[in-house]
Amino acid sequence: MIEKQLTGLAAALDALTSVPAAHRGPRCSVGTLLDNSDADVAATLHAVLDKTTVSAVLIAETLSFHGDPITAYTVARHRRRGQPNGCRCSR
């Protein structure tokens, strides 16, 4: 009886690995901006985000001036995407 339960348990646990991860909350506003921008703007923004010499504050101020308000915290979190303390956008 116990062996049958353990076999069922192993199969149930194994099935959990194929379940997609649940995402909480709305999409990152920087990621949303990248998705909705034309190719030139998106490529330039990607390049600026990858350049560590440009501060998150300057990027946020520029993005906010040309559209919806985006905070420096959001830009910094997007830069850390793929890390445990980053946003959920793909790297």
C-alpha atoms as a PDB file:
ATOM      1  CA  MET A   1       0.000   0.000   0.000  1.00  0.00           C
ATOM      2  CA  ILE A   2       2.730   2.485   0.943  1.00  0.00           C
ATOM      3  CA  GLU A   3       4.802   1.579  -2.145  1.00  0.00           C
ATOM      4  CA  LYS A   4       1.816   2.350  -4.379  1.00  0.00           C
ATOM      5  CA  GLN A   5       1.338   5.728  -2.658  1.00  0.00           C
ATOM      6  CA  LEU A   6       5.026   6.601  -3.101  1.00  0.00           C
ATOM      7  CA  THR A   7       4.899   5.683  -6.781  1.00  0.00           C
ATOM      8  CA  GLY A   8       1.881   7.923  -7.205  1.00  0.00           C
ATOM      9  CA  LEU A   9       3.632  10.653  -5.244  1.00  0.00           C
ATOM     10  CA  ALA A  10       6.707  10.479  -7.463  1.00  0.00           C
ATOM     11  CA  ALA A  11       4.551  10.764 -10.584  1.00  0.00           C
ATOM     12  CA  ALA A  12       2.607  13.694  -9.127  1.00  0.00           C
ATOM     13  CA  LEU A  13       5.805  15.513  -8.144  1.00  0.00           C
ATOM     14  CA  ASP A  14       7.315  14.824 -11.555  1.00  0.00           C
ATOM     15  CA  ALA A  15       4.227  16.325 -13.200  1.00  0.00           C
ATOM     16  CA  LEU A  16       4.820  19.584 -11.299  1.00  0.00           C
ATOM     17  CA  THR A  17       8.004  20.197 -13.287  1.00  0.00           C
ATOM     18  CA  SER A  18       6.014  20.591 -16.509  1.00  0.00           C
ATOM     19  CA  VAL A  19       3.614  23.155 -15.053  1.00  0.00           C
ATOM     20  CA  PRO A  20       4.479  26.683 -16.249  1.00  0.00           C
ATOM     21  CA  ALA A  21       5.520  29.125 -13.550  1.00  0.00           C
ATOM     22  CA  ALA A  22       2.792  31.412 -12.265  1.00  0.00           C
ATOM     23  CA  HIS A  23       3.526  35.083 -12.787  1.00  0.00           C
ATOM     24  CA  ARG A  24       2.254  37.571 -10.277  1.00  0.00           C
ATOM     25  CA  GLY A  25       1.231  41.083 -11.128  1.00  0.00           C
ATOM     26  CA  PRO A  26       1.306  43.062 -14.347  1.00  0.00           C
ATOM     27  CA  ARG A  27       4.138  43.015 -16.862  1.00  0.00           C
ATOM     28  CA  CYS A  28       7.135  45.292 -16.254  1.00  0.00           C
ATOM     29  CA  SER A  29       6.480  48.768 -17.704  1.00  0.00           C
ATOM     30  CA  VAL A  30       9.912  48.800 -19.393  1.00  0.00           C
ATOM     31  CA  GLY A  31       9.145  45.435 -21.016  1.00  0.00           C
ATOM     32  CA  THR A  32       5.732  46.707 -22.088  1.00  0.00           C
ATOM     33  CA  LEU A  33       7.353  49.783 -23.609  1.00  0.00           C
ATOM     34  CA  LEU A  34       9.851  47.597 -25.465  1.00  0.00           C
ATOM     35  CA  ASP A  35       7.046  45.382 -26.810  1.00  0.00           C
ATOM     36  CA  ASN A  36       4.992  48.356 -28.001  1.00  0.00           C
ATOM     37  CA  SER A  37       7.842  50.385 -29.513  1.00  0.00           C
ATOM     38  CA  ASP A  38       9.010  50.264 -33.098  1.00  0.00           C
ATOM     39  CA  ALA A  39      12.176  48.301 -33.858  1.00  0.00           C
ATOM     40  CA  ASP A  40      14.528  51.318 -33.839  1.00  0.00           C
ATOM     41  CA  VAL A  41      13.351  52.612 -30.467  1.00  0.00           C
ATOM     42  CA  ALA A  42      13.417  49.118 -28.949  1.00  0.00           C
ATOM     43  CA  ALA A  43      16.957  48.457 -30.226  1.00  0.00           C
ATOM     44  CA  THR A  44      18.198  51.803 -28.884  1.00  0.00           C
ATOM     45  CA  LEU A  45      16.536  51.247 -25.523  1.00  0.00           C
ATOM     46  CA  HIS A  46      18.045  47.743 -25.287  1.00  0.00           C
ATOM     47  CA  ALA A  47      21.480  49.228 -25.990  1.00  0.00           C
ATOM     48  CA  VAL A  48      21.053  51.947 -23.347  1.00  0.00           C
ATOM     49  CA  LEU A  49      19.773  49.453 -20.766  1.00  0.00           C
ATOM     50  CA  ASP A  50      22.825  47.245 -21.342  1.00  0.00           C
ATOM     51  CA  LYS A  51      25.226  50.189 -20.956  1.00  0.00           C
ATOM     52  CA  THR A  52      26.019  50.348 -17.232  1.00  0.00           C
ATOM     53  CA  THR A  53      27.513  53.832 -17.517  1.00  0.00           C
ATOM     54  CA  VAL A  54      24.033  55.272 -18.108  1.00  0.00           C
ATOM     55  CA  SER A  55      22.157  55.553 -14.805  1.00  0.00           C
ATOM     56  CA  ALA A  56      18.691  54.160 -14.246  1.00  0.00           C
ATOM     57  CA  VAL A  57      17.619  57.648 -13.144  1.00  0.00           C
ATOM     58  CA  LEU A  58      18.583  59.207 -16.495  1.00  0.00           C
ATOM     59  CA  ILE A  59      16.872  56.426 -18.435  1.00  0.00           C
ATOM     60  CA  ALA A  60      13.707  56.737 -16.325  1.00  0.00           C
ATOM     61  CA  GLU A  61      13.610  60.527 -16.699  1.00  0.00           C
ATOM     62  CA  THR A  62      14.015  60.271 -20.476  1.00  0.00           C
ATOM     63  CA  LEU A  63      11.367  57.563 -20.823  1.00  0.00           C
ATOM     64  CA  SER A  64       8.965  59.457 -18.554  1.00  0.00           C
ATOM     65  CA  PHE A  65       9.468  62.683 -20.528  1.00  0.00           C
ATOM     66  CA  HIS A  66       8.476  60.905 -23.737  1.00  0.00           C
ATOM     67  CA  GLY A  67       5.595  58.824 -22.397  1.00  0.00           C
ATOM     68  CA  ASP A  68       4.126  57.287 -19.271  1.00  0.00           C
ATOM     69  CA  PRO A  69       5.975  57.759 -15.971  1.00  0.00           C
ATOM     70  CA  ILE A  70       8.606  55.074 -15.346  1.00  0.00           C
ATOM     71  CA  THR A  71      10.646  55.065 -12.156  1.00  0.00           C
ATOM     72  CA  ALA A  72      14.383  54.512 -11.798  1.00  0.00           C
ATOM     73  CA  TYR A  73      13.569  51.509  -9.589  1.00  0.00           C
ATOM     74  CA  THR A  74      11.633  49.911 -12.458  1.00  0.00           C
ATOM     75  CA  VAL A  75      14.515  50.496 -14.874  1.00  0.00           C
ATOM     76  CA  ALA A  76      17.027  49.055 -12.380  1.00  0.00           C
ATOM     77  CA  ARG A  77      14.809  46.030 -11.735  1.00  0.00           C
ATOM     78  CA  HIS A  78      14.421  45.453 -15.490  1.00  0.00           C
ATOM     79  CA  ARG A  79      18.198  45.564 -15.861  1.00  0.00           C
ATOM     80  CA  ARG A  80      18.360  42.686 -13.348  1.00  0.00           C
ATOM     81  CA  ARG A  81      15.848  40.565 -15.321  1.00  0.00           C
ATOM     82  CA  GLY A  82      16.539  36.882 -15.042  1.00  0.00           C
ATOM     83  CA  GLN A  83      17.920  37.294 -11.526  1.00  0.00           C
ATOM     84  CA  PRO A  84      15.913  36.556  -8.368  1.00  0.00           C
ATOM     85  CA  ASN A  85      15.549  40.269  -7.578  1.00  0.00           C
ATOM     86  CA  GLY A  86      14.852  41.341 -11.177  1.00  0.00           C
ATOM     87  CA  CYS A  87      11.696  41.600 -13.193  1.00  0.00           C
ATOM     88  CA  ARG A  88      10.218  38.609 -14.995  1.00  0.00           C
ATOM     89  CA  CYS A  89      11.052  39.815 -18.517  1.00  0.00           C
ATOM     90  CA  SER A  90      13.221  37.393 -20.442  1.00  0.00           C
ATOM     91  CA  ARG A  91      16.922  38.148 -20.692  1.00  0.00           C
END
